[in-house]
Amino acid sequence: MTFFHEIGHSMNADHDDAAEFKNRKKECNPSDEEGGSYLMFPTGTEGLLPNNRAYSHCSLDTISYVLKEKKFIFIFISQLLDIQLIYS
């Protein structure tokens, strides 16, 4: 899970308890009764709760934005490496 947490950071995702998400606490940083913390929580988990192996909507919003904004980089690299990408 640490690997996927760090991949999130490489896609500009912040921790789910970051100040920018304070108005989305229930969505980004739920209690154990609500499924537990997500992958981008600042401390590790045992991975036993449903949310522990998923990105929160807050993280996905950030990652999606980065992928849309940087799509040209992936296309350029794929052309350099002659890799065929499927994208919309």
N, C-alpha and C. Protein backbone atom coordinates (compact mmCIF):
# COMPACT_ATOMS: atom_id res chain seq x y z
N MET A 1 0.81 -1.19 0.00
CA MET A 1 0.00 0.00 0.00
C MET A 1 0.87 1.26 0.00
N THR A 2 2.03 1.17 0.59
CA THR A 2 2.94 2.32 0.59
C THR A 2 3.31 2.71 -0.83
N PHE A 3 3.52 1.72 -1.68
CA PHE A 3 3.85 1.99 -3.08
C PHE A 3 2.76 2.84 -3.74
N PHE A 4 1.49 2.47 -3.56
CA PHE A 4 0.39 3.21 -4.17
C PHE A 4 0.20 4.58 -3.53
N HIS A 5 0.52 4.70 -2.24
CA HIS A 5 0.50 6.00 -1.57
C HIS A 5 1.51 6.93 -2.23
N GLU A 6 2.71 6.43 -2.46
CA GLU A 6 3.75 7.25 -3.08
C GLU A 6 3.45 7.55 -4.54
N ILE A 7 2.81 6.63 -5.25
CA ILE A 7 2.35 6.91 -6.62
C ILE A 7 1.36 8.07 -6.58
N GLY A 8 0.47 8.08 -5.59
CA GLY A 8 -0.46 9.20 -5.43
C GLY A 8 0.28 10.52 -5.30
N HIS A 9 1.32 10.54 -4.47
CA HIS A 9 2.12 11.77 -4.33
C HIS A 9 2.75 12.16 -5.66
N SER A 10 3.21 11.19 -6.42
CA SER A 10 3.85 11.52 -7.70
C SER A 10 2.84 12.09 -8.69
N MET A 11 1.57 11.87 -8.44
CA MET A 11 0.50 12.45 -9.27
C MET A 11 -0.11 13.68 -8.59
N ASN A 12 0.64 14.25 -7.64
CA ASN A 12 0.29 15.50 -6.97
C ASN A 12 -0.82 15.37 -5.92
N ALA A 13 -1.18 14.16 -5.52
CA ALA A 13 -2.20 13.97 -4.49
C ALA A 13 -1.60 14.29 -3.12
N ASP A 14 -2.32 15.06 -2.35
CA ASP A 14 -1.90 15.41 -0.99
C ASP A 14 -2.50 14.39 -0.03
N HIS A 15 -2.11 14.46 1.23
CA HIS A 15 -2.72 13.59 2.23
C HIS A 15 -4.20 13.94 2.40
N ASP A 16 -4.99 12.94 2.71
CA ASP A 16 -6.44 13.13 2.80
C ASP A 16 -6.86 14.03 3.96
N ASP A 17 -5.98 14.29 4.91
CA ASP A 17 -6.33 15.20 6.00
C ASP A 17 -5.78 16.61 5.79
N ALA A 18 -5.35 16.91 4.57
CA ALA A 18 -4.77 18.23 4.25
C ALA A 18 -5.81 19.33 4.43
N ALA A 19 -5.34 20.52 4.72
CA ALA A 19 -6.21 21.66 4.94
C ALA A 19 -7.13 21.93 3.75
N GLU A 20 -6.66 21.65 2.54
CA GLU A 20 -7.49 21.91 1.36
C GLU A 20 -8.75 21.04 1.32
N PHE A 21 -8.76 19.95 2.09
CA PHE A 21 -9.90 19.05 2.11
C PHE A 21 -10.73 19.16 3.39
N LYS A 22 -10.49 20.20 4.20
CA LYS A 22 -11.16 20.29 5.50
C LYS A 22 -12.69 20.31 5.39
N ASN A 23 -13.23 20.82 4.30
CA ASN A 23 -14.67 20.84 4.11
C ASN A 23 -15.21 19.53 3.55
N ARG A 24 -14.32 18.58 3.28
CA ARG A 24 -14.71 17.29 2.72
C ARG A 24 -14.26 16.14 3.62
N LYS A 25 -14.23 16.40 4.93
CA LYS A 25 -13.69 15.42 5.90
C LYS A 25 -14.37 14.06 5.78
N LYS A 26 -15.68 14.02 5.74
CA LYS A 26 -16.38 12.73 5.69
C LYS A 26 -16.07 11.99 4.39
N GLU A 27 -15.87 12.72 3.33
CA GLU A 27 -15.58 12.13 2.01
C GLU A 27 -14.12 11.71 1.88
N CYS A 28 -13.21 12.46 2.49
CA CYS A 28 -11.78 12.23 2.30
C CYS A 28 -11.12 11.50 3.46
N ASN A 29 -11.67 11.63 4.63
CA ASN A 29 -11.02 11.12 5.82
C ASN A 29 -12.07 10.51 6.76
N PRO A 30 -12.76 9.46 6.32
CA PRO A 30 -13.85 8.89 7.12
C PRO A 30 -13.35 8.11 8.34
N SER A 31 -14.25 7.90 9.28
CA SER A 31 -13.92 7.12 10.47
C SER A 31 -13.86 5.63 10.12
N ASP A 32 -13.38 4.84 11.06
CA ASP A 32 -13.35 3.39 10.84
C ASP A 32 -14.74 2.82 10.59
N GLU A 33 -15.73 3.37 11.28
CA GLU A 33 -17.11 2.93 11.11
C GLU A 33 -17.64 3.24 9.71
N GLU A 34 -17.04 4.22 9.05
CA GLU A 34 -17.45 4.62 7.70
C GLU A 34 -16.55 4.00 6.63
N GLY A 35 -15.75 3.00 6.99
CA GLY A 35 -14.90 2.32 6.03
C GLY A 35 -13.42 2.52 6.22
N GLY A 36 -13.03 3.42 7.13
CA GLY A 36 -11.62 3.64 7.42
C GLY A 36 -10.95 4.63 6.48
N SER A 37 -9.70 4.89 6.77
CA SER A 37 -8.95 5.87 5.98
C SER A 37 -8.57 5.30 4.62
N TYR A 38 -8.31 6.21 3.69
CA TYR A 38 -7.94 5.85 2.32
C TYR A 38 -6.42 5.78 2.18
N LEU A 39 -5.96 5.43 0.99
CA LEU A 39 -4.53 5.27 0.71
C LEU A 39 -3.70 6.51 1.02
N MET A 40 -4.27 7.69 0.82
CA MET A 40 -3.49 8.91 0.99
C MET A 40 -3.57 9.47 2.41
N PHE A 41 -4.02 8.67 3.37
CA PHE A 41 -3.96 9.07 4.77
C PHE A 41 -2.49 9.16 5.15
N PRO A 42 -2.09 10.13 6.00
CA PRO A 42 -0.67 10.36 6.26
C PRO A 42 0.06 9.22 6.98
N THR A 43 -0.66 8.35 7.67
CA THR A 43 0.00 7.23 8.34
C THR A 43 -0.51 5.91 7.77
N GLY A 44 0.33 4.91 7.82
CA GLY A 44 -0.03 3.60 7.26
C GLY A 44 -1.11 2.90 8.06
N THR A 45 -1.75 1.95 7.42
CA THR A 45 -2.77 1.14 8.07
C THR A 45 -2.44 -0.34 7.84
N GLU A 46 -3.18 -1.20 8.49
CA GLU A 46 -2.99 -2.63 8.28
C GLU A 46 -3.67 -3.09 6.99
N GLY A 47 -4.50 -2.23 6.41
CA GLY A 47 -5.17 -2.57 5.17
C GLY A 47 -6.37 -3.47 5.33
N LEU A 48 -6.97 -3.50 6.50
CA LEU A 48 -8.07 -4.41 6.78
C LEU A 48 -9.45 -3.81 6.52
N LEU A 49 -9.54 -2.50 6.45
CA LEU A 49 -10.84 -1.84 6.23
C LEU A 49 -11.05 -1.58 4.75
N PRO A 50 -12.32 -1.49 4.33
CA PRO A 50 -12.62 -1.36 2.89
C PRO A 50 -11.92 -0.21 2.17
N ASN A 51 -11.82 0.94 2.82
CA ASN A 51 -11.24 2.11 2.15
C ASN A 51 -9.71 2.10 2.10
N ASN A 52 -9.08 1.25 2.90
CA ASN A 52 -7.61 1.26 3.03
C ASN A 52 -6.88 0.99 1.73
N ARG A 53 -7.54 0.37 0.78
CA ARG A 53 -6.89 0.01 -0.48
C ARG A 53 -7.43 0.80 -1.66
N ALA A 54 -7.96 1.97 -1.38
CA ALA A 54 -8.56 2.80 -2.44
C ALA A 54 -8.15 4.25 -2.24
N TYR A 55 -8.19 5.01 -3.33
CA TYR A 55 -7.99 6.46 -3.25
C TYR A 55 -9.32 7.12 -2.93
N SER A 56 -9.28 8.16 -2.11
CA SER A 56 -10.50 8.93 -1.81
C SER A 56 -10.89 9.75 -3.03
N HIS A 57 -12.11 10.27 -2.99
CA HIS A 57 -12.55 11.15 -4.08
C HIS A 57 -11.68 12.40 -4.13
N CYS A 58 -11.19 12.84 -3.00
CA CYS A 58 -10.31 14.02 -2.98
C CYS A 58 -9.02 13.72 -3.74
N SER A 59 -8.42 12.56 -3.48
CA SER A 59 -7.20 12.18 -4.20
C SER A 59 -7.48 11.98 -5.68
N LEU A 60 -8.58 11.31 -5.98
CA LEU A 60 -8.92 11.06 -7.38
C LEU A 60 -9.18 12.35 -8.15
N ASP A 61 -9.78 13.34 -7.48
CA ASP A 61 -9.99 14.63 -8.13
C ASP A 61 -8.65 15.26 -8.53
N THR A 62 -7.70 15.22 -7.61
CA THR A 62 -6.38 15.78 -7.89
C THR A 62 -5.65 15.01 -8.98
N ILE A 63 -5.65 13.68 -8.87
CA ILE A 63 -4.97 12.84 -9.85
C ILE A 63 -5.59 13.01 -11.23
N SER A 64 -6.92 13.06 -11.30
CA SER A 64 -7.61 13.25 -12.58
C SER A 64 -7.23 14.57 -13.22
N TYR A 65 -7.16 15.62 -12.42
CA TYR A 65 -6.80 16.94 -12.92
C TYR A 65 -5.38 16.89 -13.52
N VAL A 66 -4.44 16.28 -12.79
CA VAL A 66 -3.06 16.20 -13.27
C VAL A 66 -3.00 15.42 -14.57
N LEU A 67 -3.69 14.30 -14.64
CA LEU A 67 -3.65 13.49 -15.85
C LEU A 67 -4.24 14.23 -17.05
N LYS A 68 -5.31 14.99 -16.81
CA LYS A 68 -5.91 15.77 -17.92
C LYS A 68 -4.98 16.89 -18.36
N GLU A 69 -4.37 17.56 -17.39
CA GLU A 69 -3.50 18.69 -17.71
C GLU A 69 -2.19 18.24 -18.35
N LYS A 70 -1.71 17.08 -17.99
CA LYS A 70 -0.41 16.60 -18.46
C LYS A 70 -0.54 15.52 -19.53
N LYS A 71 -1.73 15.36 -20.07
CA LYS A 71 -1.96 14.29 -21.05
C LYS A 71 -0.99 14.39 -22.22
N PHE A 72 -0.67 15.59 -22.64
CA PHE A 72 0.23 15.77 -23.78
C PHE A 72 1.60 15.15 -23.50
N ILE A 73 2.04 15.15 -22.25
CA ILE A 73 3.33 14.56 -21.90
C ILE A 73 3.29 13.06 -22.13
N PHE A 74 2.20 12.42 -21.70
CA PHE A 74 2.07 10.97 -21.90
C PHE A 74 2.01 10.62 -23.39
N ILE A 75 1.32 11.45 -24.14
CA ILE A 75 1.22 11.22 -25.59
C ILE A 75 2.60 11.38 -26.24
N PHE A 76 3.32 12.43 -25.86
CA PHE A 76 4.65 12.69 -26.41
C PHE A 76 5.61 11.53 -26.09
N ILE A 77 5.61 11.11 -24.83
CA ILE A 77 6.50 10.01 -24.42
C ILE A 77 6.13 8.73 -25.15
N SER A 78 4.83 8.48 -25.28
CA SER A 78 4.41 7.26 -25.97
C SER A 78 4.86 7.28 -27.43
N GLN A 79 4.86 8.46 -28.05
CA GLN A 79 5.32 8.56 -29.43
C GLN A 79 6.83 8.35 -29.51
N LEU A 80 7.55 8.88 -28.55
CA LEU A 80 9.00 8.68 -28.53
C LEU A 80 9.36 7.20 -28.36
N LEU A 81 8.58 6.53 -27.50
CA LEU A 81 8.87 5.14 -27.22
C LEU A 81 8.10 4.17 -28.11
N ASP A 82 7.33 4.74 -29.03
CA ASP A 82 6.50 3.96 -29.94
C ASP A 82 5.55 3.04 -29.17
N ILE A 83 4.88 3.61 -28.16
CA ILE A 83 3.89 2.88 -27.36
C ILE A 83 2.53 3.41 -27.74
N GLN A 84 1.60 2.52 -27.92
CA GLN A 84 0.24 2.93 -28.28
C GLN A 84 -0.58 3.10 -27.01
N LEU A 85 -1.09 4.32 -26.79
CA LEU A 85 -1.94 4.61 -25.64
C LEU A 85 -3.39 4.64 -26.06
N ILE A 86 -4.23 4.19 -25.17
CA ILE A 86 -5.68 4.30 -25.39
C ILE A 86 -6.15 5.41 -24.46
N TYR A 87 -6.69 6.46 -24.99
CA TYR A 87 -7.16 7.58 -24.18
C TYR A 87 -8.36 8.22 -24.88
N SER A 88 -9.08 8.99 -24.07
CA SER A 88 -10.25 9.68 -24.64
C SER A 88 -10.03 11.17 -24.69
